[in-house]
Amino acid sequence: MFIETESTPNPATLKFLPGRDVMGSAGTADFVAGEDASRSPLAARLFALDGVARVFLGADFITITKTDATEWQALRPQILGAVMEHMLAGLPVLEGLGEDADEDFDPADSEAVAQIKELLDQRVRPAVAGDGGDIVFRGFRDGVVKLKMQGACSGCPSSRATLKHGVENMLRHYIPEVLAVEQVEA
């Protein structure tokens, strides 16, 4: 098994491509701490490595964010070994269903929300996945779209610019009801 690694715009995060499905069409999973990883044997294995701060599971990739005190030179081989052992053993990546966060929007805005989600799915998420992350719709109230950045995009120095200059401008262009975009953590 050969696992490729790619850098991301976030210097604290690397993207690992095992050459096979990780989450497949099941979506994504973002684990911000080891305690959160109980439903993912793979994420729990990765958090057991000293220096792993965050684990994001994408369709066919895994992004790992390291702690500031850790160097990639020491951590990368450990991650490669853990991912390879897990995949070759045929163990599940995720067990059970995840908790979907509630979306906050006025039912009267359902049409605008559907358009927002379609634009995000078609134009934004593929580009963000290419950088090792994801962007998730969390709400729409009073013209403000609330989005959560995950994986390499969470904490990335350029994520705020991506949201304001890229995503916000695009959504405002296509959907007149959109006035602004804000990043949320929940």
N, C-alpha and C. Protein backbone atom coordinates (compact mmCIF):
# COMPACT_ATOMS: atom_id res chain seq x y z
N MET A 1 0.85 -1.18 0.00
CA MET A 1 0.00 0.00 0.00
C MET A 1 0.89 1.24 0.00
N PHE A 2 0.61 2.16 -0.90
CA PHE A 2 1.37 3.40 -1.00
C PHE A 2 0.46 4.56 -0.62
N ILE A 3 0.89 5.37 0.32
CA ILE A 3 0.10 6.52 0.77
C ILE A 3 0.85 7.78 0.37
N GLU A 4 0.19 8.60 -0.43
CA GLU A 4 0.79 9.88 -0.83
C GLU A 4 0.48 10.93 0.23
N THR A 5 1.35 11.92 0.32
CA THR A 5 1.08 13.06 1.18
C THR A 5 1.15 14.33 0.34
N GLU A 6 0.31 15.28 0.70
CA GLU A 6 0.31 16.58 0.03
C GLU A 6 0.28 17.68 1.08
N SER A 7 0.97 18.76 0.79
CA SER A 7 0.88 19.91 1.68
C SER A 7 -0.47 20.58 1.46
N THR A 8 -0.88 21.40 2.39
CA THR A 8 -2.13 22.16 2.30
C THR A 8 -1.78 23.63 2.53
N PRO A 9 -2.72 24.53 2.29
CA PRO A 9 -2.45 25.93 2.59
C PRO A 9 -2.17 26.19 4.07
N ASN A 10 -2.58 25.27 4.92
CA ASN A 10 -2.35 25.38 6.36
C ASN A 10 -1.04 24.64 6.69
N PRO A 11 0.01 25.35 7.10
CA PRO A 11 1.29 24.68 7.35
C PRO A 11 1.26 23.66 8.48
N ALA A 12 0.27 23.72 9.34
CA ALA A 12 0.17 22.76 10.44
C ALA A 12 -0.59 21.50 10.02
N THR A 13 -1.02 21.42 8.77
CA THR A 13 -1.86 20.31 8.31
C THR A 13 -1.29 19.68 7.05
N LEU A 14 -1.28 18.34 7.03
CA LEU A 14 -0.91 17.58 5.85
C LEU A 14 -2.08 16.71 5.42
N LYS A 15 -2.16 16.48 4.11
CA LYS A 15 -3.21 15.64 3.53
C LYS A 15 -2.58 14.30 3.16
N PHE A 16 -3.20 13.20 3.60
CA PHE A 16 -2.73 11.84 3.34
C PHE A 16 -3.73 11.14 2.43
N LEU A 17 -3.25 10.61 1.31
CA LEU A 17 -4.10 9.95 0.31
C LEU A 17 -3.72 8.47 0.25
N PRO A 18 -4.55 7.59 0.86
CA PRO A 18 -4.21 6.17 0.89
C PRO A 18 -4.49 5.42 -0.40
N GLY A 19 -5.04 6.08 -1.42
CA GLY A 19 -5.31 5.41 -2.68
C GLY A 19 -6.56 4.55 -2.65
N ARG A 20 -7.41 4.76 -1.67
CA ARG A 20 -8.69 4.06 -1.56
C ARG A 20 -9.66 4.92 -0.77
N ASP A 21 -10.92 4.54 -0.79
CA ASP A 21 -11.92 5.31 -0.05
C ASP A 21 -11.59 5.35 1.43
N VAL A 22 -11.80 6.51 2.02
CA VAL A 22 -11.73 6.65 3.47
C VAL A 22 -13.17 6.72 3.99
N MET A 23 -13.88 7.78 3.64
CA MET A 23 -15.29 7.90 3.99
C MET A 23 -16.19 7.59 2.79
N GLY A 24 -15.64 7.62 1.60
CA GLY A 24 -16.44 7.37 0.40
C GLY A 24 -17.55 8.39 0.26
N SER A 25 -18.73 7.90 -0.04
CA SER A 25 -19.87 8.80 -0.22
C SER A 25 -20.60 9.07 1.10
N ALA A 26 -20.05 8.61 2.20
CA ALA A 26 -20.69 8.78 3.51
C ALA A 26 -20.52 10.19 4.07
N GLY A 27 -19.82 11.06 3.36
CA GLY A 27 -19.62 12.42 3.84
C GLY A 27 -18.23 12.61 4.40
N THR A 28 -18.15 13.42 5.45
CA THR A 28 -16.87 13.69 6.09
C THR A 28 -17.04 13.58 7.60
N ALA A 29 -15.93 13.51 8.29
CA ALA A 29 -15.95 13.49 9.76
C ALA A 29 -14.76 14.31 10.25
N ASP A 30 -15.02 15.21 11.18
CA ASP A 30 -13.99 16.10 11.72
C ASP A 30 -13.88 15.87 13.21
N PHE A 31 -12.69 15.53 13.67
CA PHE A 31 -12.45 15.27 15.08
C PHE A 31 -11.44 16.29 15.59
N VAL A 32 -11.88 17.15 16.50
CA VAL A 32 -11.03 18.24 16.98
C VAL A 32 -10.23 17.87 18.22
N ALA A 33 -10.50 16.69 18.78
CA ALA A 33 -9.75 16.24 19.95
C ALA A 33 -9.90 14.73 20.08
N GLY A 34 -8.98 14.11 20.77
CA GLY A 34 -9.01 12.66 20.95
C GLY A 34 -10.30 12.16 21.59
N GLU A 35 -10.86 12.93 22.49
CA GLU A 35 -12.10 12.52 23.16
C GLU A 35 -13.26 12.40 22.17
N ASP A 36 -13.20 13.16 21.09
CA ASP A 36 -14.27 13.16 20.10
C ASP A 36 -14.20 11.96 19.17
N ALA A 37 -13.10 11.22 19.20
CA ALA A 37 -12.84 10.18 18.20
C ALA A 37 -13.35 8.80 18.58
N SER A 38 -14.19 8.70 19.57
CA SER A 38 -14.62 7.38 20.04
C SER A 38 -15.37 6.58 18.97
N ARG A 39 -16.01 7.24 18.03
CA ARG A 39 -16.76 6.51 16.99
C ARG A 39 -15.92 6.19 15.76
N SER A 40 -14.65 6.59 15.79
CA SER A 40 -13.76 6.29 14.66
C SER A 40 -12.50 5.60 15.16
N PRO A 41 -12.40 4.28 14.91
CA PRO A 41 -11.18 3.58 15.30
C PRO A 41 -9.93 4.16 14.64
N LEU A 42 -10.05 4.63 13.40
CA LEU A 42 -8.90 5.22 12.72
C LEU A 42 -8.49 6.53 13.37
N ALA A 43 -9.45 7.42 13.64
CA ALA A 43 -9.13 8.69 14.29
C ALA A 43 -8.54 8.45 15.67
N ALA A 44 -9.10 7.49 16.42
CA ALA A 44 -8.58 7.19 17.76
C ALA A 44 -7.13 6.71 17.67
N ARG A 45 -6.82 5.89 16.67
CA ARG A 45 -5.45 5.40 16.48
C ARG A 45 -4.51 6.57 16.17
N LEU A 46 -4.97 7.51 15.36
CA LEU A 46 -4.14 8.66 15.00
C LEU A 46 -3.94 9.60 16.18
N PHE A 47 -4.98 9.81 16.98
CA PHE A 47 -4.84 10.67 18.16
C PHE A 47 -3.92 10.05 19.21
N ALA A 48 -3.73 8.74 19.15
CA ALA A 48 -2.81 8.09 20.09
C ALA A 48 -1.36 8.47 19.81
N LEU A 49 -1.09 9.02 18.63
CA LEU A 49 0.26 9.47 18.30
C LEU A 49 0.51 10.84 18.93
N ASP A 50 1.64 10.98 19.56
CA ASP A 50 1.99 12.25 20.19
C ASP A 50 2.19 13.32 19.13
N GLY A 51 1.44 14.41 19.23
CA GLY A 51 1.59 15.51 18.30
C GLY A 51 0.41 15.70 17.36
N VAL A 52 -0.55 14.77 17.35
CA VAL A 52 -1.73 14.92 16.50
C VAL A 52 -2.75 15.79 17.24
N ALA A 53 -3.16 16.90 16.60
CA ALA A 53 -4.09 17.83 17.23
C ALA A 53 -5.51 17.73 16.66
N ARG A 54 -5.64 17.31 15.38
CA ARG A 54 -6.95 17.24 14.73
C ARG A 54 -6.89 16.22 13.61
N VAL A 55 -8.01 15.50 13.42
CA VAL A 55 -8.12 14.50 12.36
C VAL A 55 -9.39 14.78 11.57
N PHE A 56 -9.24 14.85 10.26
CA PHE A 56 -10.37 15.05 9.37
C PHE A 56 -10.39 13.92 8.36
N LEU A 57 -11.54 13.26 8.22
CA LEU A 57 -11.69 12.16 7.28
C LEU A 57 -12.53 12.62 6.11
N GLY A 58 -11.96 12.59 4.91
CA GLY A 58 -12.68 12.97 3.70
C GLY A 58 -13.04 11.75 2.89
N ALA A 59 -13.57 11.96 1.70
CA ALA A 59 -14.00 10.86 0.83
C ALA A 59 -12.86 9.88 0.56
N ASP A 60 -11.70 10.40 0.14
CA ASP A 60 -10.57 9.53 -0.18
C ASP A 60 -9.26 10.06 0.39
N PHE A 61 -9.37 10.83 1.46
CA PHE A 61 -8.17 11.39 2.08
C PHE A 61 -8.37 11.59 3.58
N ILE A 62 -7.25 11.79 4.25
CA ILE A 62 -7.24 12.09 5.69
C ILE A 62 -6.36 13.32 5.85
N THR A 63 -6.83 14.31 6.58
CA THR A 63 -5.95 15.43 6.89
C THR A 63 -5.66 15.41 8.38
N ILE A 64 -4.42 15.65 8.69
CA ILE A 64 -3.95 15.66 10.08
C ILE A 64 -3.36 17.03 10.36
N THR A 65 -3.81 17.61 11.48
CA THR A 65 -3.23 18.85 11.97
C THR A 65 -2.37 18.50 13.17
N LYS A 66 -1.15 19.00 13.16
CA LYS A 66 -0.21 18.70 14.24
C LYS A 66 -0.20 19.83 15.27
N THR A 67 0.34 19.52 16.43
CA THR A 67 0.54 20.54 17.45
C THR A 67 1.74 21.40 17.05
N ASP A 68 1.84 22.58 17.60
CA ASP A 68 2.95 23.48 17.29
C ASP A 68 4.30 22.92 17.74
N ALA A 69 4.29 22.10 18.79
CA ALA A 69 5.54 21.58 19.35
C ALA A 69 6.09 20.39 18.56
N THR A 70 5.34 19.91 17.58
CA THR A 70 5.72 18.72 16.82
C THR A 70 6.20 19.10 15.43
N GLU A 71 7.20 18.36 14.94
CA GLU A 71 7.71 18.57 13.58
C GLU A 71 7.18 17.46 12.67
N TRP A 72 6.87 17.82 11.43
CA TRP A 72 6.36 16.84 10.46
C TRP A 72 7.37 15.72 10.21
N GLN A 73 8.63 16.05 10.26
CA GLN A 73 9.68 15.06 9.99
C GLN A 73 9.56 13.86 10.92
N ALA A 74 9.18 14.10 12.16
CA ALA A 74 9.03 13.01 13.14
C ALA A 74 7.64 12.39 13.08
N LEU A 75 6.62 13.19 12.84
CA LEU A 75 5.24 12.71 12.92
C LEU A 75 4.77 11.99 11.66
N ARG A 76 5.17 12.46 10.49
CA ARG A 76 4.68 11.90 9.23
C ARG A 76 4.87 10.38 9.14
N PRO A 77 6.06 9.83 9.43
CA PRO A 77 6.21 8.37 9.31
C PRO A 77 5.30 7.60 10.27
N GLN A 78 5.06 8.16 11.45
CA GLN A 78 4.18 7.51 12.41
C GLN A 78 2.74 7.47 11.88
N ILE A 79 2.30 8.58 11.27
CA ILE A 79 0.95 8.63 10.70
C ILE A 79 0.83 7.65 9.55
N LEU A 80 1.82 7.63 8.66
CA LEU A 80 1.81 6.70 7.53
C LEU A 80 1.70 5.26 8.02
N GLY A 81 2.44 4.91 9.04
CA GLY A 81 2.39 3.56 9.60
C GLY A 81 1.04 3.24 10.20
N ALA A 82 0.48 4.17 10.95
CA ALA A 82 -0.82 3.94 11.59
C ALA A 82 -1.92 3.79 10.56
N VAL A 83 -1.94 4.64 9.53
CA VAL A 83 -2.96 4.55 8.49
C VAL A 83 -2.81 3.24 7.73
N MET A 84 -1.59 2.87 7.38
CA MET A 84 -1.36 1.65 6.62
C MET A 84 -1.81 0.42 7.42
N GLU A 85 -1.41 0.34 8.68
CA GLU A 85 -1.81 -0.78 9.52
C GLU A 85 -3.33 -0.88 9.61
N HIS A 86 -3.99 0.25 9.81
CA HIS A 86 -5.44 0.27 9.95
C HIS A 86 -6.12 -0.20 8.67
N MET A 87 -5.71 0.36 7.54
CA MET A 87 -6.34 0.01 6.26
C MET A 87 -6.08 -1.45 5.88
N LEU A 88 -4.84 -1.92 6.05
CA LEU A 88 -4.51 -3.30 5.68
C LEU A 88 -5.21 -4.32 6.58
N ALA A 89 -5.51 -3.94 7.81
CA ALA A 89 -6.23 -4.83 8.72
C ALA A 89 -7.72 -4.90 8.39
N GLY A 90 -8.18 -4.00 7.51
CA GLY A 90 -9.60 -4.01 7.13
C GLY A 90 -10.52 -3.50 8.22
N LEU A 91 -9.99 -2.73 9.14
CA LEU A 91 -10.80 -2.20 10.24
C LEU A 91 -11.68 -1.06 9.75
N PRO A 92 -12.82 -0.83 10.40
CA PRO A 92 -13.70 0.26 9.97
C PRO A 92 -13.09 1.63 10.26
N VAL A 93 -13.41 2.58 9.41
CA VAL A 93 -12.96 3.95 9.61
C VAL A 93 -13.87 4.64 10.60
N LEU A 94 -15.15 4.32 10.52
CA LEU A 94 -16.17 4.97 11.35
C LEU A 94 -17.18 3.92 11.79
N GLU A 95 -17.62 4.01 13.02
CA GLU A 95 -18.66 3.11 13.53
C GLU A 95 -19.87 3.92 13.92
N GLY A 96 -21.04 3.48 13.54
CA GLY A 96 -22.27 4.17 13.90
C GLY A 96 -22.44 5.45 13.11
N LEU A 97 -23.52 6.13 13.37
CA LEU A 97 -23.84 7.37 12.68
C LEU A 97 -23.35 8.56 13.47
N GLY A 98 -22.95 9.57 12.76
CA GLY A 98 -22.49 10.80 13.39
C GLY A 98 -23.66 11.66 13.81
N GLU A 99 -23.36 12.62 14.62
CA GLU A 99 -24.37 13.57 15.04
C GLU A 99 -24.35 14.74 14.08
N ASP A 100 -25.44 14.92 13.37
CA ASP A 100 -25.53 16.05 12.47
C ASP A 100 -25.90 17.29 13.28
N ALA A 101 -25.12 18.32 13.13
CA ALA A 101 -25.43 19.57 13.82
C ALA A 101 -26.68 20.18 13.20
N ASP A 102 -27.45 20.80 14.03
CA ASP A 102 -28.67 21.44 13.54
C ASP A 102 -28.31 22.62 12.66
N GLU A 103 -29.13 22.80 11.64
CA GLU A 103 -29.00 23.96 10.77
C GLU A 103 -30.00 24.99 11.24
N ASP A 104 -29.57 26.23 11.31
CA ASP A 104 -30.43 27.31 11.79
C ASP A 104 -30.82 28.21 10.63
N PHE A 105 -32.09 28.11 10.21
CA PHE A 105 -32.61 29.02 9.20
C PHE A 105 -34.12 29.08 9.30
N ASP A 106 -34.66 30.18 8.84
CA ASP A 106 -36.10 30.40 8.81
C ASP A 106 -36.68 29.56 7.68
N PRO A 107 -37.71 28.76 7.94
CA PRO A 107 -38.31 27.96 6.87
C PRO A 107 -38.75 28.80 5.67
N ALA A 108 -39.04 30.07 5.87
CA ALA A 108 -39.41 30.96 4.76
C ALA A 108 -38.23 31.17 3.80
N ASP A 109 -37.01 30.90 4.29
CA ASP A 109 -35.81 31.05 3.45
C ASP A 109 -35.38 29.74 2.81
N SER A 110 -36.24 28.74 2.80
CA SER A 110 -35.88 27.41 2.30
C SER A 110 -35.34 27.43 0.87
N GLU A 111 -35.92 28.24 0.02
CA GLU A 111 -35.47 28.31 -1.37
C GLU A 111 -34.05 28.86 -1.47
N ALA A 112 -33.79 29.94 -0.74
CA ALA A 112 -32.44 30.52 -0.72
C ALA A 112 -31.44 29.54 -0.12
N VAL A 113 -31.83 28.84 0.94
CA VAL A 113 -30.95 27.86 1.59
C VAL A 113 -30.62 26.74 0.61
N ALA A 114 -31.60 26.27 -0.14
CA ALA A 114 -31.35 25.22 -1.14
C ALA A 114 -30.35 25.70 -2.19
N GLN A 115 -30.48 26.94 -2.62
CA GLN A 115 -29.53 27.50 -3.59
C GLN A 115 -28.13 27.62 -3.00
N ILE A 116 -28.05 28.08 -1.76
CA ILE A 116 -26.76 28.21 -1.07
C ILE A 116 -26.08 26.85 -0.99
N LYS A 117 -26.81 25.83 -0.56
CA LYS A 117 -26.24 24.49 -0.42
C LYS A 117 -25.81 23.94 -1.77
N GLU A 118 -26.59 24.18 -2.81
CA GLU A 118 -26.23 23.69 -4.14
C GLU A 118 -24.94 24.34 -4.63
N LEU A 119 -24.82 25.65 -4.44
CA LEU A 119 -23.59 26.34 -4.85
C LEU A 119 -22.39 25.85 -4.06
N LEU A 120 -22.58 25.66 -2.75
CA LEU A 120 -21.49 25.15 -1.92
C LEU A 120 -21.06 23.76 -2.40
N ASP A 121 -22.04 22.88 -2.64
CA ASP A 121 -21.73 21.51 -3.05
C ASP A 121 -21.08 21.44 -4.43
N GLN A 122 -21.55 22.27 -5.35
CA GLN A 122 -21.07 22.20 -6.73
C GLN A 122 -19.78 22.98 -6.97
N ARG A 123 -19.63 24.12 -6.32
CA ARG A 123 -18.50 25.00 -6.66
C ARG A 123 -17.45 25.16 -5.58
N VAL A 124 -17.85 25.06 -4.32
CA VAL A 124 -16.91 25.36 -3.25
C VAL A 124 -16.30 24.10 -2.64
N ARG A 125 -17.12 23.15 -2.26
CA ARG A 125 -16.63 21.96 -1.56
C ARG A 125 -15.58 21.18 -2.35
N PRO A 126 -15.73 21.01 -3.68
CA PRO A 126 -14.67 20.29 -4.39
C PRO A 126 -13.31 20.99 -4.31
N ALA A 127 -13.30 22.31 -4.39
CA ALA A 127 -12.04 23.05 -4.29
C ALA A 127 -11.45 22.96 -2.89
N VAL A 128 -12.31 23.06 -1.89
CA VAL A 128 -11.85 22.99 -0.50
C VAL A 128 -11.34 21.57 -0.19
N ALA A 129 -12.01 20.55 -0.73
CA ALA A 129 -11.55 19.16 -0.54
C ALA A 129 -10.17 18.97 -1.16
N GLY A 130 -9.91 19.66 -2.26
CA GLY A 130 -8.60 19.59 -2.89
C GLY A 130 -7.49 20.09 -1.98
N ASP A 131 -7.85 20.97 -1.05
CA ASP A 131 -6.88 21.48 -0.08
C ASP A 131 -6.90 20.69 1.22
N GLY A 132 -7.69 19.60 1.27
CA GLY A 132 -7.71 18.76 2.47
C GLY A 132 -8.72 19.15 3.51
N GLY A 133 -9.78 19.83 3.10
CA GLY A 133 -10.77 20.26 4.08
C GLY A 133 -12.18 20.14 3.57
N ASP A 134 -13.08 20.79 4.28
CA ASP A 134 -14.49 20.81 3.91
C ASP A 134 -15.09 22.09 4.44
N ILE A 135 -16.23 22.45 3.89
CA ILE A 135 -16.98 23.62 4.33
C ILE A 135 -18.42 23.16 4.47
N VAL A 136 -19.01 23.41 5.63
CA VAL A 136 -20.32 22.87 5.95
C VAL A 136 -21.29 24.00 6.28
N PHE A 137 -22.47 23.94 5.67
CA PHE A 137 -23.53 24.92 5.94
C PHE A 137 -24.06 24.71 7.35
N ARG A 138 -24.17 25.80 8.12
CA ARG A 138 -24.71 25.72 9.48
C ARG A 138 -25.93 26.61 9.69
N GLY A 139 -26.13 27.62 8.82
CA GLY A 139 -27.32 28.44 9.01
C GLY A 139 -27.39 29.63 8.08
N PHE A 140 -28.57 30.26 8.07
CA PHE A 140 -28.82 31.46 7.28
C PHE A 140 -29.90 32.27 7.97
N ARG A 141 -29.52 33.41 8.49
CA ARG A 141 -30.46 34.32 9.18
C ARG A 141 -30.11 35.75 8.82
N ASP A 142 -31.13 36.55 8.54
CA ASP A 142 -30.96 37.99 8.28
C ASP A 142 -29.89 38.27 7.22
N GLY A 143 -29.84 37.41 6.19
CA GLY A 143 -28.90 37.62 5.10
C GLY A 143 -27.49 37.11 5.36
N VAL A 144 -27.24 36.53 6.53
CA VAL A 144 -25.90 36.07 6.89
C VAL A 144 -25.85 34.54 6.82
N VAL A 145 -24.94 34.03 5.98
CA VAL A 145 -24.71 32.60 5.85
C VAL A 145 -23.65 32.20 6.86
N LYS A 146 -23.94 31.16 7.65
CA LYS A 146 -23.00 30.67 8.65
C LYS A 146 -22.42 29.35 8.14
N LEU A 147 -21.08 29.30 8.06
CA LEU A 147 -20.38 28.14 7.55
C LEU A 147 -19.32 27.67 8.52
N LYS A 148 -19.09 26.37 8.57
CA LYS A 148 -18.05 25.81 9.41
C LYS A 148 -16.95 25.26 8.51
N MET A 149 -15.72 25.65 8.79
CA MET A 149 -14.56 25.15 8.06
C MET A 149 -14.03 23.94 8.81
N GLN A 150 -13.67 22.88 8.06
CA GLN A 150 -13.19 21.65 8.67
C GLN A 150 -11.88 21.21 8.02
N GLY A 151 -11.21 20.29 8.69
CA GLY A 151 -9.97 19.74 8.16
C GLY A 151 -8.88 20.78 8.05
N ALA A 152 -8.16 20.78 6.93
CA ALA A 152 -7.06 21.71 6.73
C ALA A 152 -7.53 23.16 6.75
N CYS A 153 -8.80 23.38 6.45
CA CYS A 153 -9.32 24.75 6.38
C CYS A 153 -9.57 25.36 7.76
N SER A 154 -9.76 24.52 8.75
CA SER A 154 -9.99 25.03 10.09
C SER A 154 -8.68 25.54 10.66
N GLY A 155 -8.63 26.80 10.97
CA GLY A 155 -7.42 27.39 11.51
C GLY A 155 -6.39 27.79 10.47
N CYS A 156 -6.73 27.61 9.21
CA CYS A 156 -5.81 27.99 8.14
C CYS A 156 -5.74 29.51 8.04
N PRO A 157 -4.54 30.07 7.89
CA PRO A 157 -4.43 31.53 7.80
C PRO A 157 -5.22 32.13 6.64
N SER A 158 -5.42 31.38 5.57
CA SER A 158 -6.12 31.95 4.42
C SER A 158 -7.62 31.65 4.41
N SER A 159 -8.13 30.93 5.41
CA SER A 159 -9.55 30.55 5.37
C SER A 159 -10.48 31.76 5.46
N ARG A 160 -10.15 32.74 6.25
CA ARG A 160 -11.00 33.93 6.36
C ARG A 160 -11.08 34.66 5.02
N ALA A 161 -9.96 34.76 4.33
CA ALA A 161 -9.95 35.40 3.01
C ALA A 161 -10.75 34.57 2.02
N THR A 162 -10.62 33.25 2.09
CA THR A 162 -11.41 32.37 1.22
C THR A 162 -12.89 32.61 1.44
N LEU A 163 -13.30 32.68 2.70
CA LEU A 163 -14.72 32.90 3.00
C LEU A 163 -15.20 34.26 2.51
N LYS A 164 -14.47 35.30 2.85
CA LYS A 164 -14.92 36.66 2.53
C LYS A 164 -14.81 37.00 1.05
N HIS A 165 -13.68 36.70 0.45
CA HIS A 165 -13.46 37.14 -0.93
C HIS A 165 -13.92 36.12 -1.96
N GLY A 166 -13.93 34.86 -1.59
CA GLY A 166 -14.33 33.84 -2.55
C GLY A 166 -15.79 33.44 -2.38
N VAL A 167 -16.08 32.80 -1.26
CA VAL A 167 -17.41 32.25 -1.03
C VAL A 167 -18.46 33.35 -0.91
N GLU A 168 -18.19 34.37 -0.11
CA GLU A 168 -19.17 35.44 0.08
C GLU A 168 -19.49 36.14 -1.25
N ASN A 169 -18.46 36.49 -2.01
CA ASN A 169 -18.69 37.17 -3.28
C ASN A 169 -19.51 36.31 -4.24
N MET A 170 -19.21 35.01 -4.30
CA MET A 170 -19.95 34.13 -5.19
C MET A 170 -21.41 34.01 -4.76
N LEU A 171 -21.65 33.78 -3.47
CA LEU A 171 -23.02 33.63 -2.99
C LEU A 171 -23.82 34.92 -3.19
N ARG A 172 -23.20 36.06 -2.93
CA ARG A 172 -23.89 37.34 -3.12
C ARG A 172 -24.21 37.58 -4.59
N HIS A 173 -23.35 37.12 -5.48
CA HIS A 173 -23.57 37.28 -6.91
C HIS A 173 -24.80 36.50 -7.38
N TYR A 174 -24.93 35.26 -6.92
CA TYR A 174 -26.00 34.38 -7.39
C TYR A 174 -27.29 34.46 -6.57
N ILE A 175 -27.17 34.85 -5.31
CA ILE A 175 -28.33 34.84 -4.42
C ILE A 175 -28.44 36.21 -3.76
N PRO A 176 -29.36 37.06 -4.25
CA PRO A 176 -29.47 38.43 -3.74
C PRO A 176 -29.77 38.53 -2.24
N GLU A 177 -30.37 37.50 -1.67
CA GLU A 177 -30.70 37.52 -0.24
C GLU A 177 -29.44 37.46 0.65
N VAL A 178 -28.34 36.96 0.12
CA VAL A 178 -27.11 36.82 0.90
C VAL A 178 -26.42 38.18 1.00
N LEU A 179 -26.17 38.59 2.24
CA LEU A 179 -25.48 39.85 2.52
C LEU A 179 -24.04 39.63 3.00
N ALA A 180 -23.83 38.52 3.71
CA ALA A 180 -22.50 38.26 4.29
C ALA A 180 -22.35 36.78 4.58
N VAL A 181 -21.09 36.38 4.81
CA VAL A 181 -20.76 35.01 5.22
C VAL A 181 -19.93 35.11 6.48
N GLU A 182 -20.25 34.25 7.46
CA GLU A 182 -19.49 34.21 8.71
C GLU A 182 -19.05 32.79 9.00
N GLN A 183 -17.87 32.66 9.58
CA GLN A 183 -17.38 31.37 9.99
C GLN A 183 -17.84 31.09 11.42
N VAL A 184 -18.33 29.87 11.67
CA VAL A 184 -18.74 29.46 13.01
C VAL A 184 -17.93 28.23 13.40
N GLU A 185 -17.84 27.98 14.68
CA GLU A 185 -17.11 26.80 15.18
C GLU A 185 -18.03 25.64 15.49
N ALA A 186 -19.29 25.90 15.74
CA ALA A 186 -20.20 24.82 16.13
C ALA A 186 -20.87 24.19 14.94
